[in-house]
């Protein structure tokens, strides 16, 4: 896992200290151990964890500036991309948000044991947005929902001038087009679609710049978001 991680960093233009690499690999080992009794990831090969979890997430560091920024990882699951980003850039202030309590309890305990500081919140994004509206510099999300739905869950958290980074695969351009009305309605604009190598493939991140405040009517209840996407 460590060897694969270190070998893949130069292609991304990202550097880690030995201690950072050790912490990230310790997190990966804890993830695979817990995965034996809890469904955290379908990726169980250590090399693939390094390629498809660690390097995939660390690529975001090349997309926008993270140092000192306030970041929320919406629907963080087992901690991706938030935990690798925090380990690589300790100065960012991280909130990890997910609705599954058991997973978040494991995540909170694991990162605390590793000395990784982050706020772990168990809540639904559309409900938590009322408490944290437009206070984050950056919102990230990975494999949570299609972009036209995801934008309504994430953009309300982002302050004007900040960015929403939606990690996507081959269909990123299609999803960005499909979500254009939603993003515009929510106060955003697709700035670009960045590409980077990951596990022998090309992964993409849709970079949405927040240009105007999100109207107070959003986000709606998730059932409504799914039923009537913007």
Protein backbone atom coordinates (compact mmCIF):
# COMPACT_ATOMS: atom_id res chain seq x y z
CA UNK A 1 0.00 0.00 0.00
CA UNK A 2 2.74 2.46 0.98
CA UNK A 3 4.89 1.59 -2.04
CA UNK A 4 1.96 2.12 -4.44
CA UNK A 5 1.03 5.38 -2.75
CA UNK A 6 4.54 6.83 -2.98
CA UNK A 7 5.00 5.63 -6.56
CA UNK A 8 1.81 7.37 -7.67
CA UNK A 9 2.38 10.78 -6.10
CA UNK A 10 4.77 12.24 -8.72
CA UNK A 11 2.20 11.85 -11.51
CA UNK A 12 -0.19 13.99 -9.47
CA UNK A 13 2.43 16.53 -8.48
CA UNK A 14 1.65 15.88 -4.80
CA UNK A 15 4.23 15.29 -2.07
CA UNK A 16 3.84 13.68 1.36
CA UNK A 17 6.27 13.38 4.22
CA UNK A 18 7.15 9.94 5.49
CA UNK A 19 4.97 10.53 8.56
CA UNK A 20 2.00 11.57 6.40
CA UNK A 21 2.37 8.48 4.23
CA UNK A 22 2.54 6.31 7.36
CA UNK A 23 -0.62 7.88 8.80
CA UNK A 24 -2.51 7.45 5.54
CA UNK A 25 -1.49 3.81 5.27
CA UNK A 26 -2.45 3.21 8.90
CA UNK A 27 -5.88 4.60 8.04
CA UNK A 28 -6.06 2.23 5.07
CA UNK A 29 -5.13 -0.74 7.23
CA UNK A 30 -7.77 0.21 9.80
CA UNK A 31 -10.30 0.53 6.98
CA UNK A 32 -9.55 -2.96 5.63
CA UNK A 33 -9.63 -4.50 9.11
CA UNK A 34 -13.02 -2.96 9.95
CA UNK A 35 -14.32 -3.84 6.49
CA UNK A 36 -14.27 -7.49 7.55
CA UNK A 37 -17.28 -6.81 9.81
CA UNK A 38 -18.77 -3.58 8.37
CA UNK A 39 -19.42 -2.63 4.76
CA UNK A 40 -17.02 0.29 4.28
CA UNK A 41 -15.47 -0.34 0.87
CA UNK A 42 -15.68 -2.75 -2.05
CA UNK A 43 -11.94 -2.20 -2.62
CA UNK A 44 -10.02 -4.69 -0.47
CA UNK A 45 -6.65 -5.06 -2.19
CA UNK A 46 -4.06 -2.83 -0.46
CA UNK A 47 -2.58 -1.68 -3.79
CA UNK A 48 -6.05 -0.75 -5.06
CA UNK A 49 -6.77 1.12 -1.83
CA UNK A 50 -3.70 3.25 -2.49
CA UNK A 51 -4.63 3.86 -6.13
CA UNK A 52 -8.41 4.20 -6.01
CA UNK A 53 -8.88 5.73 -2.56
CA UNK A 54 -5.70 7.58 -1.59
CA UNK A 55 -4.30 8.84 -4.90
CA UNK A 56 -7.77 9.50 -6.30
CA UNK A 57 -8.57 11.76 -3.34
CA UNK A 58 -5.17 13.46 -3.13
CA UNK A 59 -5.55 14.59 -6.75
CA UNK A 60 -7.99 17.24 -5.50
CA UNK A 61 -5.04 19.09 -3.98
CA UNK A 62 -4.02 20.05 -7.52
CA UNK A 63 -7.48 21.34 -8.45
CA UNK A 64 -7.89 24.19 -5.95
CA UNK A 65 -6.09 25.70 -2.95
CA UNK A 66 -6.77 23.85 0.30
CA UNK A 67 -4.31 25.35 2.84
CA UNK A 68 -6.19 27.02 5.69
CA UNK A 69 -9.58 26.49 4.05
CA UNK A 70 -12.77 25.33 5.73
CA UNK A 71 -13.85 22.11 4.01
CA UNK A 72 -16.93 19.88 4.25
CA UNK A 73 -16.96 16.35 2.82
CA UNK A 74 -20.62 15.61 2.08
CA UNK A 75 -21.59 11.94 2.20
CA UNK A 76 -18.05 11.06 3.27
CA UNK A 77 -18.71 7.34 3.72
CA UNK A 78 -15.53 5.76 5.06
CA UNK A 79 -13.76 9.14 4.96
CA UNK A 80 -13.11 9.86 1.29
CA UNK A 81 -11.93 12.28 0.07
CA UNK A 82 -11.79 14.18 3.39
CA UNK A 83 -9.39 12.10 5.46
CA UNK A 84 -6.59 11.81 2.86
CA UNK A 85 -6.92 15.55 2.17
CA UNK A 86 -6.61 16.39 5.87
CA UNK A 87 -3.60 14.13 6.35
CA UNK A 88 -1.86 15.67 3.33
CA UNK A 89 -2.83 19.26 4.20
CA UNK A 90 -3.17 19.51 8.02
CA UNK A 91 -3.99 23.23 7.93
CA UNK A 92 -7.44 22.72 6.40
CA UNK A 93 -10.40 22.65 8.79
CA UNK A 94 -12.46 19.57 7.98
CA UNK A 95 -16.04 18.52 8.61
CA UNK A 96 -16.91 14.92 7.70
CA UNK A 97 -20.66 14.50 7.13
CA UNK A 98 -22.61 11.28 6.65
CA UNK A 99 -25.99 9.95 7.75
CA UNK A 100 -24.91 6.46 8.86
CA UNK A 101 -24.15 6.57 12.60
CA UNK A 102 -22.21 3.28 12.89
CA UNK A 103 -19.86 4.29 10.10
CA UNK A 104 -19.33 7.74 11.56
CA UNK A 105 -18.66 6.32 15.02
CA UNK A 106 -15.95 4.10 13.54
CA UNK A 107 -14.51 6.99 11.52
CA UNK A 108 -14.40 9.36 14.50
CA UNK A 109 -12.65 6.80 16.69
CA UNK A 110 -10.18 5.81 14.00
CA UNK A 111 -9.02 9.29 13.01
CA UNK A 112 -8.77 10.34 16.67
CA UNK A 113 -6.48 7.36 17.32
CA UNK A 114 -4.33 8.42 14.37
CA UNK A 115 -4.13 12.04 15.53
CA UNK A 116 -6.14 13.39 12.60
CA UNK A 117 -8.32 16.31 13.66
CA UNK A 118 -11.73 16.61 12.03
CA UNK A 119 -15.32 17.23 13.03
CA UNK A 120 -17.45 14.10 12.45
CA UNK A 121 -21.16 14.82 12.03
CA UNK A 122 -23.93 12.25 11.68
CA UNK A 123 -26.75 13.97 9.81
CA UNK A 124 -28.48 14.21 6.46
CA UNK A 125 -26.94 16.88 4.26
CA UNK A 126 -30.23 18.58 3.42
CA UNK A 127 -31.01 18.96 7.13
CA UNK A 128 -27.52 19.93 8.32
CA UNK A 129 -27.34 22.72 5.76
CA UNK A 130 -29.66 24.79 7.95
CA UNK A 131 -26.93 24.92 10.63
CA UNK A 132 -23.91 25.44 8.33
CA UNK A 133 -25.28 27.46 5.46
CA UNK A 134 -22.67 29.15 3.24
CA UNK A 135 -19.78 28.99 5.70
CA UNK A 136 -17.41 26.60 3.88
CA UNK A 137 -14.71 27.52 1.38
CA UNK A 138 -14.86 24.09 -0.23
CA UNK A 139 -17.41 21.28 -0.37
CA UNK A 140 -16.35 17.89 -1.71
CA UNK A 141 -18.34 14.79 -2.57
CA UNK A 142 -17.45 11.45 -4.09
CA UNK A 143 -19.83 8.92 -5.63
CA UNK A 144 -22.90 10.04 -3.70
CA UNK A 145 -25.47 10.90 -6.39
CA UNK A 146 -25.81 12.31 -9.89
CA UNK A 147 -24.65 15.88 -10.12
CA UNK A 148 -28.09 17.45 -10.60
CA UNK A 149 -29.10 16.00 -7.21
CA UNK A 150 -25.72 16.39 -5.55
CA UNK A 151 -25.49 20.10 -6.32
CA UNK A 152 -28.58 20.79 -4.20
CA UNK A 153 -27.06 18.89 -1.27
CA UNK A 154 -23.63 20.56 -1.47
CA UNK A 155 -23.86 24.11 -2.83
CA UNK A 156 -25.89 25.46 0.13
CA UNK A 157 -22.85 24.80 2.35
CA UNK A 158 -20.46 26.82 0.15
CA UNK A 159 -19.85 30.53 0.67
CA UNK A 160 -19.95 32.90 -2.29
CA UNK A 161 -16.55 32.70 -3.96
CA UNK A 162 -15.95 29.15 -2.76
CA UNK A 163 -16.00 25.92 -4.75
CA UNK A 164 -17.84 22.63 -4.85
CA UNK A 165 -15.70 19.72 -6.10
CA UNK A 166 -17.76 16.80 -7.41
CA UNK A 167 -15.62 13.72 -8.05
CA UNK A 168 -16.91 11.90 -11.10
CA UNK A 169 -15.89 9.32 -13.69
CA UNK A 170 -16.24 9.08 -17.45
CA UNK A 171 -19.71 10.65 -17.42
CA UNK A 172 -18.60 13.92 -15.81
CA UNK A 173 -19.25 16.07 -18.87
CA UNK A 174 -22.70 14.55 -19.41
CA UNK A 175 -23.63 15.03 -15.76
CA UNK A 176 -22.39 18.62 -15.79
CA UNK A 177 -24.62 19.38 -18.76
CA UNK A 178 -27.56 17.63 -17.13
CA UNK A 179 -27.01 19.65 -13.94
CA UNK A 180 -26.50 23.06 -15.58
CA UNK A 181 -29.95 24.39 -14.62
CA UNK A 182 -29.68 23.10 -11.05
CA UNK A 183 -26.21 24.59 -10.55
CA UNK A 184 -27.28 27.96 -11.95
CA UNK A 185 -30.43 27.99 -9.81
CA UNK A 186 -28.36 27.23 -6.70
CA UNK A 187 -25.93 30.09 -7.35
CA UNK A 188 -23.11 28.19 -9.01
CA UNK A 189 -21.29 27.94 -12.33
CA UNK A 190 -19.30 25.05 -13.76
CA UNK A 191 -15.82 26.52 -13.95
CA UNK A 192 -14.09 23.53 -15.51
CA UNK A 193 -13.79 19.76 -15.47
CA UNK A 194 -10.35 18.69 -14.30
CA UNK A 195 -8.83 15.32 -15.26
CA UNK A 196 -6.19 13.24 -13.50
CA UNK A 197 -4.83 9.67 -13.60
CA UNK A 198 -6.20 7.13 -11.12
CA UNK A 199 -5.62 3.39 -11.12
CA UNK A 200 -4.81 3.22 -14.82
CA UNK A 201 -7.86 5.26 -15.78
CA UNK A 202 -8.74 8.93 -16.09
CA UNK A 203 -10.90 10.37 -13.32
CA UNK A 204 -12.57 13.75 -13.34
CA UNK A 205 -13.75 16.40 -10.93
CA UNK A 206 -16.39 18.97 -11.79
CA UNK A 207 -15.32 22.32 -10.34
CA UNK A 208 -18.36 24.46 -9.50
CA UNK A 209 -17.72 28.05 -8.44
CA UNK A 210 -20.28 29.63 -6.08
CA UNK A 211 -21.14 33.03 -7.55
CA UNK A 212 -24.37 33.98 -5.75
CA UNK A 213 -26.11 32.98 -2.51
CA UNK A 214 -28.27 29.87 -2.74
CA UNK A 215 -31.98 30.79 -2.52
CA UNK A 216 -33.48 30.05 0.91
CA UNK A 217 -35.86 27.46 -0.56
CA UNK A 218 -32.93 25.07 -1.12
CA UNK A 219 -32.04 22.41 -0.22
CA UNK A 220 -35.42 20.70 -0.23
CA UNK A 221 -36.20 17.36 1.43
CA UNK A 222 -34.26 14.57 -0.27
CA UNK A 223 -37.42 12.80 -1.41
CA UNK A 224 -38.40 15.99 -3.20
CA UNK A 225 -34.92 16.45 -4.68
CA UNK A 226 -35.09 12.92 -6.15
CA UNK A 227 -38.69 13.28 -7.27
CA UNK A 228 -38.29 16.67 -8.91
CA UNK A 229 -34.62 17.42 -9.70
CA UNK A 230 -33.87 21.02 -10.59
